[in-house]
Protein backbone atom coordinates (compact mmCIF):
# COMPACT_ATOMS: atom_id res chain seq x y z
CA MET A 1 58.91 19.35 -51.02
CA THR A 2 56.47 16.41 -50.97
CA SER A 3 57.51 13.37 -53.00
CA PRO A 4 55.23 12.40 -55.89
CA THR A 5 52.68 9.67 -55.12
CA VAL A 6 50.74 7.16 -57.17
CA ARG A 7 47.80 9.55 -57.04
CA ASP A 8 49.95 12.14 -58.81
CA VAL A 9 50.87 9.55 -61.45
CA ALA A 10 47.21 8.56 -61.90
CA ALA A 11 46.16 12.20 -62.26
CA LEU A 12 48.87 12.96 -64.83
CA ALA A 13 48.10 9.81 -66.82
CA ASP A 14 44.32 10.31 -66.45
CA VAL A 15 43.82 6.68 -65.36
CA SER A 16 42.64 4.95 -62.18
CA LEU A 17 44.85 4.06 -59.23
CA ALA A 18 44.20 0.41 -60.03
CA THR A 19 45.62 0.88 -63.52
CA VAL A 20 48.74 2.57 -62.13
CA ASP A 21 49.19 -0.31 -59.68
CA ARG A 22 48.90 -2.89 -62.47
CA VAL A 23 51.48 -1.12 -64.62
CA LEU A 24 53.94 -0.62 -61.75
CA ASN A 25 53.69 -4.27 -60.78
CA ASN A 26 53.67 -5.64 -64.34
CA ARG A 27 50.22 -7.20 -63.98
CA LYS A 28 47.95 -8.23 -66.84
CA GLY A 29 44.79 -6.51 -67.99
CA VAL A 30 46.16 -3.11 -69.09
CA SER A 31 46.13 -1.78 -72.65
CA ALA A 32 49.34 -0.70 -74.36
CA LYS A 33 48.02 2.86 -74.49
CA ALA A 34 47.41 2.94 -70.73
CA ILE A 35 50.85 1.48 -70.03
CA ALA A 36 52.50 4.18 -72.13
CA LYS A 37 50.52 6.92 -70.34
CA VAL A 38 51.47 5.64 -66.89
CA ARG A 39 55.16 5.32 -67.77
CA ALA A 40 55.19 8.82 -69.19
CA ALA A 41 53.51 10.15 -66.03
CA VAL A 42 56.08 8.37 -63.85
CA ALA A 43 58.91 10.04 -65.77
CA GLN A 44 57.22 13.45 -65.73
CA SER A 45 56.39 13.40 -62.02
CA GLY A 46 59.68 11.96 -60.80
CA TYR A 47 57.78 9.30 -58.89
CA ILE A 48 60.05 6.77 -57.13
CA ARG A 49 58.39 3.40 -57.68
CA ASN A 50 60.02 1.17 -55.07
CA LEU A 51 58.99 3.29 -52.05
CA ALA A 52 55.39 3.97 -52.91
CA ALA A 53 54.69 0.63 -54.56
CA ALA A 54 55.59 -1.20 -51.34
CA ASN A 55 53.23 1.02 -49.39
CA LEU A 56 50.41 0.50 -51.89
CA SER A 57 50.80 -3.29 -51.88
CA GLN A 58 50.57 -3.40 -48.08
CA ARG A 59 47.35 -1.38 -47.89
CA ARG A 60 45.69 -2.22 -51.16
CA VAL A 61 41.95 -1.65 -51.39
CA TYR A 62 40.00 -3.60 -54.02
CA ARG A 63 36.87 -2.04 -55.53
CA PHE A 64 34.53 -4.59 -57.09
CA CYS A 65 31.09 -3.99 -58.64
CA PHE A 66 28.17 -6.35 -59.21
CA VAL A 67 25.93 -5.20 -62.06
CA VAL A 68 22.70 -7.18 -61.64
CA PRO A 69 19.01 -6.69 -62.41
CA ALA A 70 16.98 -4.77 -59.85
CA GLY A 71 14.40 -6.73 -57.87
CA ASP A 72 13.28 -7.47 -54.34
CA THR A 73 11.81 -10.94 -54.88
CA GLY A 74 12.82 -14.30 -56.31
CA PHE A 75 16.26 -15.24 -57.54
CA ILE A 76 17.52 -11.67 -57.89
CA ALA A 77 16.70 -11.00 -54.25
CA LEU A 78 18.59 -14.16 -53.25
CA LEU A 79 21.55 -13.04 -55.35
CA GLN A 80 21.65 -9.57 -53.84
CA ASN A 81 21.23 -10.97 -50.33
CA ALA A 82 24.19 -13.30 -50.96
CA ILE A 83 26.33 -10.32 -51.97
CA GLU A 84 25.24 -8.30 -48.93
CA ALA A 85 25.93 -11.23 -46.61
CA GLN A 86 29.62 -11.08 -47.54
CA ARG A 87 30.06 -7.31 -47.46
CA SER A 88 31.30 -6.87 -43.87
CA HIS A 89 33.64 -9.88 -44.09
CA LEU A 90 35.09 -8.59 -47.36
CA MET A 91 35.66 -5.13 -45.93
CA GLN A 92 38.03 -6.71 -43.39
CA ARG A 93 40.00 -8.00 -46.38
CA GLN A 94 39.98 -4.48 -47.85
CA ILE A 95 37.50 -5.49 -50.56
CA LEU A 96 34.76 -2.93 -51.17
CA ILE A 97 31.61 -4.19 -52.91
CA GLN A 98 29.09 -2.05 -54.78
CA ILE A 99 25.80 -3.40 -56.17
CA VAL A 100 24.75 -1.52 -59.32
CA PRO A 101 21.13 -2.35 -60.29
CA THR A 102 19.82 -2.33 -63.85
CA ARG A 103 16.55 -3.23 -65.53
CA ALA A 104 16.41 -6.83 -66.73
CA PHE A 105 16.78 -7.16 -70.52
CA ASP A 106 17.21 -3.36 -70.91
CA VAL A 107 20.26 -3.25 -73.19
CA ALA A 108 20.42 0.56 -73.47
CA GLY A 109 20.21 0.99 -69.70
CA GLN A 110 22.83 -1.70 -69.10
CA VAL A 111 25.21 -0.06 -71.59
CA ALA A 112 24.79 3.28 -69.79
CA VAL A 113 25.65 1.63 -66.47
CA LEU A 114 28.75 -0.06 -67.89
CA ARG A 115 29.98 3.27 -69.23
CA SER A 116 29.73 4.85 -65.78
CA LEU A 117 31.65 2.19 -63.80
CA ASP A 118 34.66 3.14 -61.71
CA CYS A 119 36.12 -0.01 -60.16
CA ASP A 120 38.93 -2.56 -60.43
CA ALA A 121 36.72 -5.44 -61.58
CA VAL A 122 33.05 -6.07 -62.26
CA ALA A 123 30.72 -9.08 -62.23
CA LEU A 124 27.93 -8.72 -64.79
CA MET A 125 24.50 -10.28 -65.15
CA VAL A 126 23.33 -8.59 -68.34
CA SER A 127 21.76 -9.29 -71.73
CA GLU A 128 23.73 -10.55 -74.69
CA SER A 129 23.96 -7.98 -77.46
CA PRO A 130 26.63 -6.40 -79.69
CA GLU A 131 26.40 -3.18 -77.66
CA ILE A 132 27.04 -5.01 -74.38
CA GLN A 133 29.93 -6.97 -75.89
CA GLU A 134 31.49 -3.73 -77.13
CA GLU A 135 31.29 -2.22 -73.63
CA VAL A 136 32.88 -5.32 -72.10
CA SER A 137 35.75 -5.03 -74.57
CA ARG A 138 36.15 -1.36 -73.66
CA LEU A 139 36.25 -2.15 -69.94
CA MET A 140 38.87 -4.84 -70.49
CA ALA A 141 40.99 -2.46 -72.59
CA ALA A 142 40.77 0.08 -69.76
CA GLY A 143 42.21 -2.45 -67.31
CA ILE A 144 38.91 -3.37 -65.61
CA GLN A 145 38.51 -7.13 -65.27
CA VAL A 146 35.08 -8.43 -66.32
CA VAL A 147 33.43 -11.56 -64.94
CA THR A 148 30.07 -12.73 -66.24
CA LEU A 149 27.64 -14.08 -63.65
CA VAL A 150 24.77 -16.57 -64.23
CA ALA A 151 24.57 -15.65 -67.96
CA ASP A 152 27.78 -15.81 -69.98
CA LEU A 153 29.05 -13.52 -72.77
CA PRO A 154 31.69 -15.79 -74.35
CA GLN A 155 32.17 -13.63 -77.46
CA SER A 156 32.89 -10.46 -75.47
CA GLY A 157 36.44 -11.21 -74.37
CA ARG A 158 35.37 -11.30 -70.69
CA SER A 159 37.92 -12.65 -68.20
CA ALA A 160 35.85 -15.46 -66.66
CA TYR A 161 32.34 -16.89 -66.24
CA VAL A 162 30.75 -17.85 -62.91
CA GLY A 163 27.64 -20.01 -62.97
CA ILE A 164 26.16 -23.37 -63.81
CA ASP A 165 26.42 -25.10 -67.18
CA ASN A 166 23.12 -23.83 -68.57
CA VAL A 167 23.00 -26.25 -71.51
CA ALA A 168 23.41 -29.16 -69.07
CA ALA A 169 20.69 -27.62 -66.88
CA GLY A 170 18.28 -27.59 -69.83
CA ARG A 171 19.15 -31.18 -70.70
CA THR A 172 18.56 -32.20 -67.09
CA ALA A 173 15.16 -30.52 -67.10
CA ALA A 174 14.23 -32.45 -70.26
CA GLU A 175 15.39 -35.74 -68.77
CA PHE A 176 13.03 -35.38 -65.84
CA MET A 177 10.21 -33.93 -67.92
CA GLY A 178 10.33 -37.02 -70.13
CA ARG A 179 10.35 -39.33 -67.12
CA PHE A 180 7.58 -37.58 -65.21
CA VAL A 181 5.05 -37.07 -68.01
CA HIS A 182 2.95 -40.17 -68.69
CA GLY A 183 1.59 -40.50 -72.20
CA ALA A 184 1.69 -37.86 -74.91
CA GLY A 185 0.96 -34.18 -74.88
CA PRO A 186 2.46 -30.78 -75.50
CA VAL A 187 5.06 -29.06 -73.33
CA LEU A 188 5.09 -25.28 -72.93
CA MET A 189 8.49 -23.57 -72.64
CA ILE A 190 8.63 -20.10 -71.06
CA ALA A 191 11.79 -18.00 -71.27
CA GLY A 192 12.31 -14.60 -69.68
CA SER A 193 13.95 -13.21 -72.81
CA LEU A 194 15.85 -14.77 -75.67
CA THR A 195 18.39 -11.94 -75.37
CA SER A 196 19.61 -13.61 -72.18
CA ARG A 197 22.19 -16.28 -72.93
CA ASP A 198 21.42 -18.42 -69.90
CA HIS A 199 17.82 -18.71 -71.08
CA THR A 200 18.76 -19.56 -74.69
CA GLU A 201 21.31 -22.16 -73.54
CA ARG A 202 18.81 -23.84 -71.22
CA LEU A 203 16.26 -23.84 -74.04
CA MET A 204 18.76 -25.40 -76.44
CA GLY A 205 19.68 -28.20 -74.03
CA PHE A 206 16.01 -28.90 -73.26
CA ARG A 207 15.00 -29.08 -76.91
CA LEU A 208 17.89 -31.39 -77.83
CA VAL A 209 16.99 -34.06 -75.28
CA MET A 210 13.25 -33.80 -75.86
CA GLN A 211 13.71 -34.24 -79.62
CA GLU A 212 16.24 -37.06 -79.22
CA ARG A 213 14.37 -39.16 -76.66
CA PHE A 214 10.85 -37.92 -76.00
CA GLU A 215 9.36 -37.21 -79.41
CA THR A 216 5.79 -38.05 -78.29
CA LEU A 217 5.88 -34.96 -76.07
CA GLY A 218 5.44 -32.22 -78.62
CA LEU A 219 7.07 -28.87 -77.87
CA LEU A 220 4.99 -25.73 -78.26
CA PRO A 221 6.76 -22.61 -79.57
CA VAL A 222 8.75 -20.91 -76.80
CA VAL A 223 7.11 -17.82 -75.30
CA GLU A 224 8.83 -14.92 -73.52
CA GLY A 225 7.45 -13.87 -70.14
CA SER A 226 9.92 -11.01 -69.45
CA ASP A 227 10.41 -12.54 -65.96
CA ASP A 228 7.11 -10.85 -65.07
CA ALA A 229 4.59 -12.76 -62.96
CA ALA A 230 1.46 -11.30 -64.60
CA THR A 231 2.79 -11.95 -68.11
CA VAL A 232 3.79 -15.53 -67.26
CA GLU A 233 0.35 -16.20 -65.75
CA ARG A 234 -1.41 -14.88 -68.87
CA LEU A 235 0.78 -16.93 -71.22
CA VAL A 236 0.22 -20.18 -69.30
CA LEU A 237 -3.54 -19.73 -69.09
CA ALA A 238 -3.76 -18.91 -72.79
CA ALA A 239 -1.76 -22.01 -73.74
CA ALA A 240 -3.83 -24.23 -71.43
CA ALA A 241 -7.09 -22.85 -72.84
CA ALA A 242 -6.03 -23.91 -76.34
CA ARG A 243 -5.08 -27.48 -75.40
CA PRO A 244 -4.36 -29.59 -72.27
CA LEU A 245 -0.71 -29.15 -71.25
CA ALA A 246 1.40 -32.17 -70.34
CA GLY A 247 4.26 -30.10 -69.00
CA ILE A 248 5.67 -26.64 -68.43
CA TYR A 249 9.35 -25.74 -68.40
CA ALA A 250 9.84 -22.27 -66.87
CA ILE A 251 13.35 -21.17 -67.82
CA GLY A 252 13.34 -17.75 -66.16
CA ALA A 253 11.55 -15.94 -63.35
CA GLY A 254 7.93 -14.87 -62.77
CA ASN A 255 7.04 -18.02 -60.88
CA ARG A 256 4.40 -16.35 -58.72
CA GLY A 257 2.28 -15.99 -61.85
CA LEU A 258 3.17 -19.50 -62.96
CA VAL A 259 1.94 -20.96 -59.66
CA ARG A 260 -1.34 -19.05 -59.88
CA ALA A 261 -1.90 -20.30 -63.41
CA VAL A 262 -1.02 -23.95 -62.69
CA ASN A 263 -3.39 -23.96 -59.72
CA ALA A 264 -6.18 -22.96 -62.11
CA ILE A 265 -5.46 -25.84 -64.54
CA THR A 266 -7.00 -29.32 -64.28
CA PRO A 267 -5.24 -31.69 -64.45
CA LYS A 268 -2.03 -29.98 -63.35
CA PRO A 269 0.89 -30.34 -65.80
CA VAL A 270 4.35 -31.48 -64.76
CA THR A 271 6.05 -28.18 -63.95
CA ILE A 272 9.83 -27.73 -63.80
CA VAL A 273 11.36 -24.38 -62.85
CA HIS A 274 14.71 -22.80 -62.00
CA GLU A 275 15.93 -21.45 -58.64
CA LEU A 276 14.77 -22.40 -55.15
CA THR A 277 13.01 -19.23 -54.02
CA PRO A 278 10.26 -18.88 -51.40
CA THR A 279 7.70 -19.15 -54.23
CA SER A 280 9.17 -22.29 -55.81
CA ARG A 281 9.73 -23.85 -52.38
CA ALA A 282 6.04 -23.35 -51.52
CA GLY A 283 5.09 -24.71 -54.95
CA LEU A 284 7.07 -27.88 -54.29
CA ARG A 285 5.38 -28.35 -50.93
CA ASP A 286 1.84 -28.07 -52.28
CA GLY A 287 2.51 -30.07 -55.46
CA THR A 288 2.14 -27.18 -57.92
CA ILE A 289 5.80 -27.46 -58.92
CA THR A 290 7.35 -30.85 -59.66
CA LEU A 291 11.09 -30.10 -59.72
CA VAL A 292 13.40 -27.12 -59.11
CA LEU A 293 16.87 -26.76 -60.67
CA ASP A 294 18.88 -24.47 -58.42
CA GLN A 295 22.27 -22.77 -58.30
CA ASP A 296 23.79 -21.70 -54.99
CA THR A 297 23.83 -17.88 -55.01
CA LEU A 298 26.24 -17.63 -52.06
CA ALA A 299 28.72 -19.96 -53.74
CA ALA A 300 28.38 -18.03 -57.01
CA THR A 301 28.93 -14.58 -55.52
CA ALA A 302 31.82 -15.81 -53.35
CA ALA A 303 33.46 -17.37 -56.41
CA ALA A 304 32.96 -14.14 -58.38
CA VAL A 305 34.69 -12.08 -55.67
CA GLU A 306 37.62 -14.47 -55.42
CA ILE A 307 38.04 -14.59 -59.19
CA MET A 308 37.92 -10.78 -59.44
CA ARG A 309 40.60 -10.55 -56.75
CA GLN A 310 42.86 -13.05 -58.49
CA LEU A 311 42.42 -11.38 -61.86
CA THR A 312 43.14 -7.95 -60.39
CA GLU A 313 46.37 -9.32 -58.95
CA GLY A 314 47.34 -10.78 -62.32
CA ARG A 315 47.06 -14.41 -61.25
CA ASP A 316 46.11 -17.31 -63.51
CA LEU A 317 42.76 -18.98 -62.81
CA PRO A 318 42.23 -22.74 -62.52
CA PRO A 319 40.01 -24.11 -65.35
CA ASP A 320 36.98 -24.75 -63.10
CA ALA A 321 37.27 -21.58 -60.98
CA GLY A 322 33.78 -20.31 -61.80
CA LYS A 323 31.92 -23.60 -62.08
CA ILE A 324 28.83 -23.75 -59.83
CA ARG A 325 27.07 -27.02 -59.11
CA LEU A 326 23.48 -27.59 -60.22
CA ASN A 327 21.22 -28.76 -57.37
CA LEU A 328 17.89 -30.57 -57.82
CA TYR A 329 14.99 -30.18 -55.40
CA CYS A 330 11.68 -32.01 -55.15
CA ARG A 331 9.03 -32.04 -52.42
CA GLU A 332 10.92 -34.65 -50.43
CA ASN A 333 14.34 -32.94 -50.07
CA ILE A 334 13.58 -29.26 -49.49
């Protein structure tokens, strides 16, 4: 007669293998309900823990997901390329990576994706909403570790955040905007969506410094470009037609449209954007873009994987585990 295995325990308890492993090895991240189900299944099946647990620990396979917006250009493309660049190396460490695309700012679609996940841990770049926070709490209760990436969800109970300090990034953008603009004039702020926490935090930091130290540079009401190039272009041209712009702070994506619009404006405003993409790099070279605030996508994705692994193993994280440095680029240092 074949001895019971962890798969038998998982099937009886109706939980994942990862959950069984966490319970057997007394790791964190498992609900009381799941623990009770696994222990009952162990007793029912007659599973002998010490033999199979040793085998599982020697050949453990980690299954990690990245839930990120779909896209083949700009920052999202850089992010996905950074994940892909590590895939073969991670497979040698028995870490399997799956990229799960969603539509940017589509809360309903992102909720549906979160409900369909089957993994040990997940890194999320999603909108901030009560529905998303509820799904994060459900994943955590089910024993799936959740790491937020680029945009945080601090009220969701997530395990960790990986990314830059977005408030500090907005403050930095304001510092240079105030230094670069000569004289008075309005500044246009373009967010992708105010449902994205990274955009709202950057906006908050930018506004604080501009109001504290550069009052002569009036701030126009923030507009939302949905990270869409055509929408961003239309918004910039409309604002410039109403009054000469002293500066533009582009908080999100859609910089191809931004560059087209700025090239049609005379004189060109000081333009500060996020992420060093092929478009923003070219804009720096030809003088369309003044400054780029960038976060290293390879460093961010590597940190997310390492944090997911440590959390899955029940280890404590150092305080700065997910902190990513903010880099500044101008025409002279790209």
